[in-house]
Amino acid sequence: MATSDFYASQQHIYERALIQIENLLHKAEELQQVYVRFIREVLIGRQVAEYDPNLLPDNGMAIDQQYRRIKREYQTIKDAAIAYGELIQTRQI
């Protein structure tokens, strides 16, 4: 990149985009861990509930709310990653 006048002048944009993409990847990894913990808790809860049916929650509202929150966060991260990809493509044109 240093030998190209065009790309050398745009290097800071690419470096910033790379940092932002790395941050998005880190958040995606954190979200993956949230999913793993969430699924683990649900599975453990079901095993416990098999031993004592009274421990089974009456409704799944808390689980549904957490699922929707996680899904929104994932969609936000996904949309940001797509936007950065499109930004980089438009900068290359």
N, C-alpha and C. Protein backbone atom coordinates (compact mmCIF):
# COMPACT_ATOMS: atom_id res chain seq x y z
N MET A 1 0.81 -1.18 0.00
CA MET A 1 0.00 0.00 0.00
C MET A 1 0.87 1.26 0.00
N ALA A 2 2.03 1.18 0.60
CA ALA A 2 2.89 2.35 0.71
C ALA A 2 3.41 2.81 -0.64
N THR A 3 3.45 1.92 -1.63
CA THR A 3 3.97 2.29 -2.95
C THR A 3 2.90 2.89 -3.85
N SER A 4 1.67 2.86 -3.44
CA SER A 4 0.57 3.42 -4.22
C SER A 4 0.16 4.75 -3.62
N ASP A 5 0.15 5.80 -4.44
CA ASP A 5 -0.25 7.12 -3.94
C ASP A 5 -1.70 7.10 -3.46
N PHE A 6 -2.58 6.47 -4.23
CA PHE A 6 -4.00 6.44 -3.86
C PHE A 6 -4.22 5.69 -2.56
N TYR A 7 -3.70 4.48 -2.49
CA TYR A 7 -3.93 3.66 -1.30
C TYR A 7 -3.17 4.19 -0.08
N ALA A 8 -2.00 4.78 -0.29
CA ALA A 8 -1.24 5.33 0.83
C ALA A 8 -2.00 6.48 1.47
N SER A 9 -2.69 7.29 0.65
CA SER A 9 -3.46 8.40 1.21
C SER A 9 -4.73 7.91 1.90
N GLN A 10 -5.18 6.72 1.59
CA GLN A 10 -6.38 6.14 2.19
C GLN A 10 -6.08 5.17 3.32
N GLN A 11 -4.82 5.02 3.65
CA GLN A 11 -4.41 4.00 4.63
C GLN A 11 -5.09 4.19 5.98
N HIS A 12 -5.24 5.42 6.43
CA HIS A 12 -5.88 5.64 7.73
C HIS A 12 -7.32 5.16 7.74
N ILE A 13 -8.00 5.27 6.61
CA ILE A 13 -9.40 4.80 6.53
C ILE A 13 -9.43 3.28 6.67
N TYR A 14 -8.53 2.61 5.99
CA TYR A 14 -8.48 1.15 6.06
C TYR A 14 -8.08 0.67 7.46
N GLU A 15 -7.15 1.39 8.08
CA GLU A 15 -6.73 1.01 9.43
C GLU A 15 -7.88 1.17 10.41
N ARG A 16 -8.62 2.28 10.28
CA ARG A 16 -9.76 2.50 11.16
C ARG A 16 -10.85 1.45 10.93
N ALA A 17 -11.10 1.13 9.66
CA ALA A 17 -12.11 0.11 9.34
C ALA A 17 -11.68 -1.25 9.90
N LEU A 18 -10.40 -1.56 9.80
CA LEU A 18 -9.89 -2.83 10.32
C LEU A 18 -10.08 -2.91 11.84
N ILE A 19 -9.79 -1.82 12.53
CA ILE A 19 -9.99 -1.79 13.99
C ILE A 19 -11.46 -1.98 14.33
N GLN A 20 -12.34 -1.32 13.58
CA GLN A 20 -13.77 -1.44 13.85
C GLN A 20 -14.27 -2.85 13.56
N ILE A 21 -13.76 -3.46 12.51
CA ILE A 21 -14.15 -4.83 12.20
C ILE A 21 -13.64 -5.78 13.28
N GLU A 22 -12.42 -5.55 13.75
CA GLU A 22 -11.90 -6.38 14.84
C GLU A 22 -12.76 -6.23 16.09
N ASN A 23 -13.21 -5.01 16.37
CA ASN A 23 -14.10 -4.80 17.51
C ASN A 23 -15.42 -5.54 17.31
N LEU A 24 -15.95 -5.52 16.10
CA LEU A 24 -17.19 -6.25 15.81
C LEU A 24 -16.99 -7.75 16.00
N LEU A 25 -15.86 -8.25 15.55
CA LEU A 25 -15.58 -9.68 15.73
C LEU A 25 -15.49 -10.03 17.20
N HIS A 26 -14.88 -9.15 17.98
CA HIS A 26 -14.78 -9.38 19.42
C HIS A 26 -16.18 -9.41 20.04
N LYS A 27 -17.04 -8.48 19.65
CA LYS A 27 -18.41 -8.45 20.17
C LYS A 27 -19.16 -9.70 19.74
N ALA A 28 -18.92 -10.17 18.52
CA ALA A 28 -19.59 -11.39 18.06
C ALA A 28 -19.14 -12.59 18.89
N GLU A 29 -17.86 -12.63 19.24
CA GLU A 29 -17.37 -13.71 20.11
C GLU A 29 -18.01 -13.64 21.49
N GLU A 30 -18.16 -12.42 22.01
CA GLU A 30 -18.82 -12.26 23.30
C GLU A 30 -20.27 -12.70 23.21
N LEU A 31 -20.93 -12.35 22.11
CA LEU A 31 -22.33 -12.75 21.92
C LEU A 31 -22.43 -14.27 21.83
N GLN A 32 -21.46 -14.90 21.18
CA GLN A 32 -21.45 -16.35 21.10
C GLN A 32 -21.37 -16.96 22.49
N GLN A 33 -20.54 -16.39 23.35
CA GLN A 33 -20.43 -16.88 24.72
C GLN A 33 -21.73 -16.70 25.49
N VAL A 34 -22.43 -15.58 25.22
CA VAL A 34 -23.73 -15.35 25.86
C VAL A 34 -24.70 -16.45 25.43
N TYR A 35 -24.72 -16.75 24.14
CA TYR A 35 -25.59 -17.81 23.65
C TYR A 35 -25.26 -19.15 24.31
N VAL A 36 -23.98 -19.47 24.40
CA VAL A 36 -23.56 -20.74 25.00
C VAL A 36 -24.02 -20.81 26.46
N ARG A 37 -23.79 -19.73 27.21
CA ARG A 37 -24.22 -19.72 28.62
C ARG A 37 -25.74 -19.82 28.72
N PHE A 38 -26.43 -19.10 27.86
CA PHE A 38 -27.90 -19.12 27.87
C PHE A 38 -28.43 -20.52 27.60
N ILE A 39 -27.91 -21.17 26.58
CA ILE A 39 -28.35 -22.52 26.23
C ILE A 39 -28.00 -23.49 27.36
N ARG A 40 -26.81 -23.35 27.94
CA ARG A 40 -26.42 -24.21 29.05
C ARG A 40 -27.39 -24.06 30.21
N GLU A 41 -27.76 -22.82 30.55
CA GLU A 41 -28.69 -22.58 31.65
C GLU A 41 -30.06 -23.19 31.36
N VAL A 42 -30.52 -23.07 30.12
CA VAL A 42 -31.82 -23.64 29.76
C VAL A 42 -31.78 -25.16 29.89
N LEU A 43 -30.71 -25.78 29.39
CA LEU A 43 -30.60 -27.24 29.47
C LEU A 43 -30.51 -27.71 30.92
N ILE A 44 -29.72 -27.02 31.72
CA ILE A 44 -29.63 -27.38 33.14
C ILE A 44 -30.98 -27.21 33.81
N GLY A 45 -31.66 -26.11 33.50
CA GLY A 45 -32.98 -25.87 34.07
C GLY A 45 -33.98 -26.95 33.72
N ARG A 46 -33.90 -27.43 32.50
CA ARG A 46 -34.82 -28.51 32.10
C ARG A 46 -34.50 -29.81 32.84
N GLN A 47 -33.21 -30.09 33.04
CA GLN A 47 -32.85 -31.29 33.79
C GLN A 47 -33.33 -31.20 35.22
N VAL A 48 -33.16 -30.04 35.82
CA VAL A 48 -33.62 -29.85 37.19
C VAL A 48 -35.14 -29.97 37.25
N ALA A 49 -35.81 -29.41 36.29
CA ALA A 49 -37.27 -29.43 36.27
C ALA A 49 -37.80 -30.86 36.13
N GLU A 50 -37.04 -31.74 35.51
CA GLU A 50 -37.48 -33.13 35.39
C GLU A 50 -37.57 -33.80 36.75
N TYR A 51 -36.74 -33.39 37.68
CA TYR A 51 -36.76 -33.99 39.01
C TYR A 51 -37.85 -33.41 39.89
N ASP A 52 -38.20 -32.16 39.67
CA ASP A 52 -39.25 -31.53 40.47
C ASP A 52 -40.07 -30.63 39.54
N PRO A 53 -41.22 -31.12 39.09
CA PRO A 53 -42.04 -30.34 38.15
C PRO A 53 -42.47 -28.98 38.71
N ASN A 54 -42.48 -28.80 40.00
CA ASN A 54 -42.86 -27.51 40.57
C ASN A 54 -41.84 -26.42 40.29
N LEU A 55 -40.62 -26.81 39.92
CA LEU A 55 -39.58 -25.83 39.62
C LEU A 55 -39.69 -25.29 38.20
N LEU A 56 -40.49 -25.92 37.37
CA LEU A 56 -40.65 -25.46 36.00
C LEU A 56 -41.42 -24.14 36.00
N PRO A 57 -40.88 -23.12 35.35
CA PRO A 57 -41.56 -21.82 35.36
C PRO A 57 -42.93 -21.92 34.68
N ASP A 58 -43.84 -21.07 35.14
CA ASP A 58 -45.18 -21.06 34.58
C ASP A 58 -45.20 -20.54 33.15
N ASN A 59 -44.32 -19.58 32.85
CA ASN A 59 -44.27 -19.07 31.48
C ASN A 59 -42.83 -18.82 31.08
N GLY A 60 -42.63 -18.70 29.81
CA GLY A 60 -41.28 -18.50 29.30
C GLY A 60 -40.99 -17.05 28.98
N MET A 61 -41.67 -16.11 29.65
CA MET A 61 -41.50 -14.69 29.33
C MET A 61 -40.06 -14.23 29.51
N ALA A 62 -39.42 -14.60 30.59
CA ALA A 62 -38.04 -14.15 30.83
C ALA A 62 -37.11 -14.68 29.74
N ILE A 63 -37.29 -15.93 29.38
CA ILE A 63 -36.46 -16.53 28.34
C ILE A 63 -36.74 -15.86 27.00
N ASP A 64 -38.01 -15.61 26.69
CA ASP A 64 -38.37 -14.96 25.43
C ASP A 64 -37.78 -13.55 25.35
N GLN A 65 -37.85 -12.82 26.44
CA GLN A 65 -37.29 -11.46 26.46
C GLN A 65 -35.79 -11.48 26.27
N GLN A 66 -35.11 -12.39 26.91
CA GLN A 66 -33.66 -12.48 26.76
C GLN A 66 -33.31 -12.90 25.34
N TYR A 67 -34.07 -13.82 24.78
CA TYR A 67 -33.83 -14.24 23.40
C TYR A 67 -33.99 -13.06 22.43
N ARG A 68 -35.06 -12.29 22.61
CA ARG A 68 -35.28 -11.14 21.72
C ARG A 68 -34.17 -10.11 21.87
N ARG A 69 -33.71 -9.88 23.10
CA ARG A 69 -32.62 -8.93 23.32
C ARG A 69 -31.34 -9.40 22.63
N ILE A 70 -31.01 -10.67 22.79
CA ILE A 70 -29.81 -11.22 22.16
C ILE A 70 -29.93 -11.17 20.65
N LYS A 71 -31.11 -11.48 20.14
CA LYS A 71 -31.32 -11.45 18.69
C LYS A 71 -31.17 -10.03 18.14
N ARG A 72 -31.69 -9.03 18.86
CA ARG A 72 -31.53 -7.63 18.42
C ARG A 72 -30.07 -7.23 18.42
N GLU A 73 -29.34 -7.60 19.47
CA GLU A 73 -27.92 -7.27 19.55
C GLU A 73 -27.14 -7.93 18.40
N TYR A 74 -27.44 -9.18 18.13
CA TYR A 74 -26.78 -9.88 17.03
C TYR A 74 -27.08 -9.18 15.71
N GLN A 75 -28.35 -8.79 15.48
CA GLN A 75 -28.73 -8.13 14.23
C GLN A 75 -28.02 -6.79 14.09
N THR A 76 -27.87 -6.07 15.18
CA THR A 76 -27.15 -4.79 15.16
C THR A 76 -25.70 -4.99 14.75
N ILE A 77 -25.06 -5.98 15.34
CA ILE A 77 -23.67 -6.28 15.00
C ILE A 77 -23.56 -6.70 13.54
N LYS A 78 -24.48 -7.53 13.10
CA LYS A 78 -24.48 -8.01 11.71
C LYS A 78 -24.68 -6.84 10.75
N ASP A 79 -25.62 -5.94 11.05
CA ASP A 79 -25.86 -4.77 10.19
C ASP A 79 -24.64 -3.87 10.13
N ALA A 80 -23.97 -3.69 11.26
CA ALA A 80 -22.76 -2.85 11.28
C ALA A 80 -21.65 -3.48 10.44
N ALA A 81 -21.50 -4.79 10.53
CA ALA A 81 -20.46 -5.47 9.75
C ALA A 81 -20.75 -5.34 8.26
N ILE A 82 -22.01 -5.48 7.87
CA ILE A 82 -22.39 -5.32 6.46
C ILE A 82 -22.12 -3.89 6.01
N ALA A 83 -22.47 -2.92 6.84
CA ALA A 83 -22.26 -1.52 6.49
C ALA A 83 -20.78 -1.21 6.30
N TYR A 84 -19.92 -1.75 7.17
CA TYR A 84 -18.49 -1.52 7.02
C TYR A 84 -17.97 -2.17 5.74
N GLY A 85 -18.47 -3.34 5.43
CA GLY A 85 -18.07 -4.00 4.19
C GLY A 85 -18.46 -3.18 2.98
N GLU A 86 -19.66 -2.63 3.00
CA GLU A 86 -20.11 -1.78 1.89
C GLU A 86 -19.32 -0.49 1.82
N LEU A 87 -18.98 0.07 3.00
CA LEU A 87 -18.18 1.28 3.03
C LEU A 87 -16.82 1.05 2.40
N ILE A 88 -16.21 -0.06 2.74
CA ILE A 88 -14.89 -0.37 2.19
C ILE A 88 -14.99 -0.57 0.68
N GLN A 89 -16.03 -1.23 0.22
CA GLN A 89 -16.21 -1.44 -1.21
C GLN A 89 -16.40 -0.12 -1.95
N THR A 90 -17.17 0.80 -1.39
CA THR A 90 -17.39 2.10 -2.05
C THR A 90 -16.14 2.93 -2.06
N ARG A 91 -15.28 2.76 -1.07
CA ARG A 91 -14.02 3.52 -1.01
C ARG A 91 -13.04 3.01 -2.07
N GLN A 92 -13.20 1.75 -2.47
CA GLN A 92 -12.28 1.15 -3.44
C GLN A 92 -12.68 1.52 -4.86
N ILE A 93 -13.89 1.95 -5.06
CA ILE A 93 -14.37 2.25 -6.43
C ILE A 93 -13.80 3.55 -6.90
